């Protein structure tokens, strides 16, 4: 359960830091998210949609005992949050 909670916390941190750096004029690097932001009137809604889907996939991975996948996803999103924090600091 802890691995799933870490994933959820990282999703929240990624969402929050992405919104902050978008407000500072830094562009979104993920092409899927960038496309959703362009077609959406509200970048926060586009990001929230992506995060809801990611959390659903993580829940499925957790329920099917794919903890190795979740550990890798947690590492990836921890790096994303770190990248976002650097982008905010530089902007």
N, C-alpha and C. Protein backbone atom coordinates (compact mmCIF):
# COMPACT_ATOMS: atom_id res chain seq x y z
N UNK A 1 0.83 -1.20 0.00
CA UNK A 1 0.00 0.00 0.00
C UNK A 1 0.86 1.25 0.00
N UNK A 2 2.00 1.21 0.70
CA UNK A 2 2.87 2.39 0.79
C UNK A 2 3.37 2.82 -0.58
N UNK A 3 3.67 1.86 -1.44
CA UNK A 3 4.19 2.20 -2.77
C UNK A 3 3.14 2.96 -3.58
N UNK A 4 1.88 2.60 -3.41
CA UNK A 4 0.80 3.31 -4.10
C UNK A 4 0.62 4.71 -3.51
N UNK A 5 0.72 4.84 -2.21
CA UNK A 5 0.60 6.16 -1.57
C UNK A 5 1.73 7.09 -1.99
N UNK A 6 2.93 6.53 -2.13
CA UNK A 6 4.05 7.34 -2.62
C UNK A 6 3.76 7.81 -4.03
N UNK A 7 3.23 6.92 -4.87
CA UNK A 7 2.88 7.30 -6.23
C UNK A 7 1.86 8.45 -6.23
N UNK A 8 0.84 8.33 -5.41
CA UNK A 8 -0.19 9.37 -5.35
C UNK A 8 0.40 10.70 -4.87
N UNK A 9 1.28 10.65 -3.87
CA UNK A 9 1.92 11.87 -3.38
C UNK A 9 2.78 12.51 -4.46
N UNK A 10 3.51 11.67 -5.20
CA UNK A 10 4.34 12.20 -6.28
C UNK A 10 3.49 12.81 -7.40
N UNK A 11 2.32 12.23 -7.65
CA UNK A 11 1.43 12.81 -8.66
C UNK A 11 0.95 14.19 -8.22
N UNK A 12 0.62 14.31 -6.95
CA UNK A 12 0.20 15.62 -6.44
C UNK A 12 1.34 16.63 -6.54
N UNK A 13 2.55 16.22 -6.15
CA UNK A 13 3.70 17.12 -6.23
C UNK A 13 4.01 17.50 -7.67
N UNK A 14 3.89 16.55 -8.59
CA UNK A 14 4.13 16.84 -10.00
C UNK A 14 3.08 17.81 -10.52
N UNK A 15 1.84 17.60 -10.16
CA UNK A 15 0.77 18.50 -10.57
C UNK A 15 1.03 19.92 -10.06
N UNK A 16 1.34 20.04 -8.78
CA UNK A 16 1.55 21.36 -8.18
C UNK A 16 2.76 22.07 -8.78
N UNK A 17 3.88 21.36 -8.91
CA UNK A 17 5.07 22.01 -9.45
C UNK A 17 4.91 22.34 -10.93
N UNK A 18 4.19 21.51 -11.67
CA UNK A 18 3.95 21.81 -13.08
C UNK A 18 3.10 23.06 -13.22
N UNK A 19 2.08 23.20 -12.40
CA UNK A 19 1.25 24.41 -12.46
C UNK A 19 2.07 25.66 -12.14
N UNK A 20 2.96 25.55 -11.16
CA UNK A 20 3.79 26.69 -10.79
C UNK A 20 4.73 27.06 -11.94
N UNK A 21 5.40 26.08 -12.54
CA UNK A 21 6.33 26.46 -13.59
C UNK A 21 5.61 26.91 -14.85
N UNK A 22 4.40 26.44 -15.09
CA UNK A 22 3.63 26.97 -16.23
C UNK A 22 3.30 28.44 -16.00
N UNK A 23 3.01 28.81 -14.76
CA UNK A 23 2.74 30.21 -14.44
C UNK A 23 3.97 31.09 -14.62
N UNK A 24 5.17 30.48 -14.52
CA UNK A 24 6.41 31.21 -14.72
C UNK A 24 6.83 31.23 -16.19
N UNK A 25 6.01 30.68 -17.06
CA UNK A 25 6.31 30.72 -18.49
C UNK A 25 7.16 29.59 -19.01
N UNK A 26 7.42 28.58 -18.19
CA UNK A 26 8.18 27.42 -18.65
C UNK A 26 7.23 26.49 -19.39
N UNK A 27 7.65 25.98 -20.54
CA UNK A 27 6.79 25.11 -21.34
C UNK A 27 6.79 23.68 -20.83
N UNK A 28 5.71 22.99 -21.10
CA UNK A 28 5.56 21.57 -20.72
C UNK A 28 6.36 20.72 -21.71
N UNK A 29 7.18 19.81 -21.20
CA UNK A 29 8.04 18.96 -22.04
C UNK A 29 7.32 17.72 -22.56
N UNK A 30 6.33 17.22 -21.82
CA UNK A 30 5.61 16.02 -22.23
C UNK A 30 4.69 16.39 -23.39
N UNK A 31 4.88 15.78 -24.57
CA UNK A 31 4.07 16.16 -25.74
C UNK A 31 2.57 15.92 -25.55
N UNK A 32 2.20 14.84 -24.87
CA UNK A 32 0.78 14.57 -24.64
C UNK A 32 0.16 15.65 -23.76
N UNK A 33 0.82 15.96 -22.68
CA UNK A 33 0.31 16.98 -21.76
C UNK A 33 0.31 18.34 -22.43
N UNK A 34 1.36 18.65 -23.18
CA UNK A 34 1.44 19.93 -23.89
C UNK A 34 0.28 20.08 -24.87
N UNK A 35 -0.05 18.99 -25.58
CA UNK A 35 -1.17 19.04 -26.53
C UNK A 35 -2.49 19.24 -25.80
N UNK A 36 -2.68 18.56 -24.68
CA UNK A 36 -3.91 18.73 -23.91
C UNK A 36 -4.02 20.15 -23.36
N UNK A 37 -2.91 20.72 -22.95
CA UNK A 37 -2.92 22.09 -22.43
C UNK A 37 -3.31 23.07 -23.54
N UNK A 38 -2.78 22.83 -24.75
CA UNK A 38 -3.10 23.73 -25.87
C UNK A 38 -4.59 23.72 -26.23
N UNK A 39 -5.24 22.56 -26.14
CA UNK A 39 -6.65 22.47 -26.53
C UNK A 39 -7.60 22.76 -25.37
N UNK A 40 -7.05 22.83 -24.17
CA UNK A 40 -7.89 23.07 -23.00
C UNK A 40 -7.88 24.56 -22.65
N UNK A 41 -9.01 25.03 -22.17
CA UNK A 41 -9.09 26.41 -21.71
C UNK A 41 -8.38 26.57 -20.37
N UNK A 42 -8.29 25.49 -19.62
CA UNK A 42 -7.67 25.50 -18.29
C UNK A 42 -6.54 24.47 -18.23
N UNK A 43 -5.28 24.92 -18.16
CA UNK A 43 -4.17 23.95 -18.05
C UNK A 43 -4.31 23.03 -16.85
N UNK A 44 -4.86 23.53 -15.75
CA UNK A 44 -5.02 22.69 -14.55
C UNK A 44 -5.94 21.50 -14.83
N UNK A 45 -6.99 21.71 -15.61
CA UNK A 45 -7.89 20.60 -15.94
C UNK A 45 -7.21 19.56 -16.81
N UNK A 46 -6.41 20.02 -17.76
CA UNK A 46 -5.67 19.09 -18.62
C UNK A 46 -4.71 18.25 -17.78
N UNK A 47 -3.98 18.91 -16.90
CA UNK A 47 -3.05 18.19 -16.03
C UNK A 47 -3.78 17.23 -15.10
N UNK A 48 -4.90 17.68 -14.56
CA UNK A 48 -5.67 16.84 -13.65
C UNK A 48 -6.18 15.59 -14.38
N UNK A 49 -6.60 15.73 -15.62
CA UNK A 49 -7.06 14.58 -16.40
C UNK A 49 -5.94 13.56 -16.55
N UNK A 50 -4.75 14.03 -16.90
CA UNK A 50 -3.61 13.13 -17.06
C UNK A 50 -3.28 12.45 -15.74
N UNK A 51 -3.35 13.18 -14.63
CA UNK A 51 -3.03 12.62 -13.33
C UNK A 51 -4.08 11.59 -12.88
N UNK A 52 -5.32 11.83 -13.19
CA UNK A 52 -6.38 10.87 -12.84
C UNK A 52 -6.15 9.56 -13.60
N UNK A 53 -5.82 9.66 -14.88
CA UNK A 53 -5.54 8.46 -15.67
C UNK A 53 -4.32 7.73 -15.10
N UNK A 54 -3.27 8.48 -14.78
CA UNK A 54 -2.05 7.87 -14.21
C UNK A 54 -2.35 7.17 -12.89
N UNK A 55 -3.17 7.79 -12.05
CA UNK A 55 -3.52 7.17 -10.77
C UNK A 55 -4.35 5.91 -10.97
N UNK A 56 -5.22 5.92 -11.96
CA UNK A 56 -5.99 4.72 -12.29
C UNK A 56 -5.09 3.58 -12.74
N UNK A 57 -4.12 3.90 -13.58
CA UNK A 57 -3.17 2.88 -14.03
C UNK A 57 -2.31 2.38 -12.87
N UNK A 58 -1.93 3.27 -11.99
CA UNK A 58 -1.13 2.86 -10.82
C UNK A 58 -1.95 1.96 -9.90
N UNK A 59 -3.20 2.31 -9.70
CA UNK A 59 -4.07 1.46 -8.87
C UNK A 59 -4.17 0.05 -9.48
N UNK A 60 -4.34 -0.01 -10.81
CA UNK A 60 -4.41 -1.30 -11.49
C UNK A 60 -3.10 -2.08 -11.31
N UNK A 61 -1.97 -1.38 -11.47
CA UNK A 61 -0.67 -2.04 -11.29
C UNK A 61 -0.52 -2.56 -9.86
N UNK A 62 -0.96 -1.77 -8.90
CA UNK A 62 -0.88 -2.19 -7.50
C UNK A 62 -1.78 -3.41 -7.24
N UNK A 63 -2.99 -3.36 -7.76
CA UNK A 63 -3.94 -4.48 -7.54
C UNK A 63 -3.45 -5.77 -8.18
N UNK A 64 -2.69 -5.64 -9.29
CA UNK A 64 -2.18 -6.83 -9.97
C UNK A 64 -0.75 -7.15 -9.55
N UNK A 65 -0.31 -6.54 -8.47
CA UNK A 65 0.98 -6.81 -7.84
C UNK A 65 2.19 -6.50 -8.74
N UNK A 66 2.07 -5.47 -9.52
CA UNK A 66 3.19 -5.03 -10.37
C UNK A 66 3.98 -3.95 -9.63
N UNK A 67 4.53 -4.33 -8.49
CA UNK A 67 5.23 -3.37 -7.64
C UNK A 67 6.53 -2.89 -8.27
N UNK A 68 7.16 -3.72 -9.05
CA UNK A 68 8.39 -3.29 -9.73
C UNK A 68 8.09 -2.13 -10.68
N UNK A 69 6.99 -2.23 -11.38
CA UNK A 69 6.57 -1.15 -12.27
C UNK A 69 6.28 0.12 -11.48
N UNK A 70 5.60 -0.02 -10.36
CA UNK A 70 5.30 1.15 -9.53
C UNK A 70 6.57 1.78 -8.95
N UNK A 71 7.53 0.96 -8.55
CA UNK A 71 8.80 1.50 -8.05
C UNK A 71 9.49 2.32 -9.13
N UNK A 72 9.49 1.82 -10.34
CA UNK A 72 10.11 2.55 -11.45
C UNK A 72 9.35 3.83 -11.75
N UNK A 73 8.04 3.76 -11.72
CA UNK A 73 7.22 4.96 -11.94
C UNK A 73 7.48 5.98 -10.85
N UNK A 74 7.62 5.54 -9.60
CA UNK A 74 7.91 6.45 -8.50
C UNK A 74 9.26 7.13 -8.70
N UNK A 75 10.25 6.39 -9.14
CA UNK A 75 11.55 6.98 -9.41
C UNK A 75 11.44 8.01 -10.53
N UNK A 76 10.74 7.67 -11.58
CA UNK A 76 10.56 8.58 -12.71
C UNK A 76 9.87 9.88 -12.26
N UNK A 77 8.79 9.76 -11.51
CA UNK A 77 8.07 10.96 -11.09
C UNK A 77 8.82 11.75 -10.03
N UNK A 78 9.64 11.10 -9.23
CA UNK A 78 10.50 11.84 -8.30
C UNK A 78 11.49 12.70 -9.09
N UNK A 79 12.03 12.13 -10.17
CA UNK A 79 12.92 12.90 -11.04
C UNK A 79 12.16 14.04 -11.73
N UNK A 80 10.93 13.79 -12.14
CA UNK A 80 10.12 14.85 -12.76
C UNK A 80 9.87 16.00 -11.79
N UNK A 81 9.56 15.68 -10.56
CA UNK A 81 9.32 16.73 -9.56
C UNK A 81 10.61 17.51 -9.33
N UNK A 82 11.74 16.82 -9.26
CA UNK A 82 13.02 17.50 -9.11
C UNK A 82 13.31 18.42 -10.29
N UNK A 83 13.02 17.93 -11.49
CA UNK A 83 13.19 18.74 -12.70
C UNK A 83 12.30 19.98 -12.64
N UNK A 84 11.06 19.78 -12.25
CA UNK A 84 10.13 20.92 -12.14
C UNK A 84 10.64 21.95 -11.14
N UNK A 85 11.16 21.48 -10.00
CA UNK A 85 11.68 22.41 -9.00
C UNK A 85 12.88 23.19 -9.54
N UNK A 86 13.73 22.51 -10.32
CA UNK A 86 14.85 23.23 -10.95
C UNK A 86 14.35 24.27 -11.94
N UNK A 87 13.35 23.90 -12.73
CA UNK A 87 12.79 24.84 -13.71
C UNK A 87 12.19 26.06 -13.02
N UNK A 88 11.56 25.83 -11.88
CA UNK A 88 10.97 26.95 -11.12
C UNK A 88 12.09 27.84 -10.58
N UNK A 89 13.14 27.23 -10.06
CA UNK A 89 14.24 28.01 -9.49
C UNK A 89 14.95 28.84 -10.55
N UNK A 90 15.07 28.30 -11.75
CA UNK A 90 15.76 29.01 -12.83
C UNK A 90 14.89 30.12 -13.42
N UNK A 91 13.58 29.88 -13.47
CA UNK A 91 12.67 30.83 -14.14
C UNK A 91 12.50 32.12 -13.39
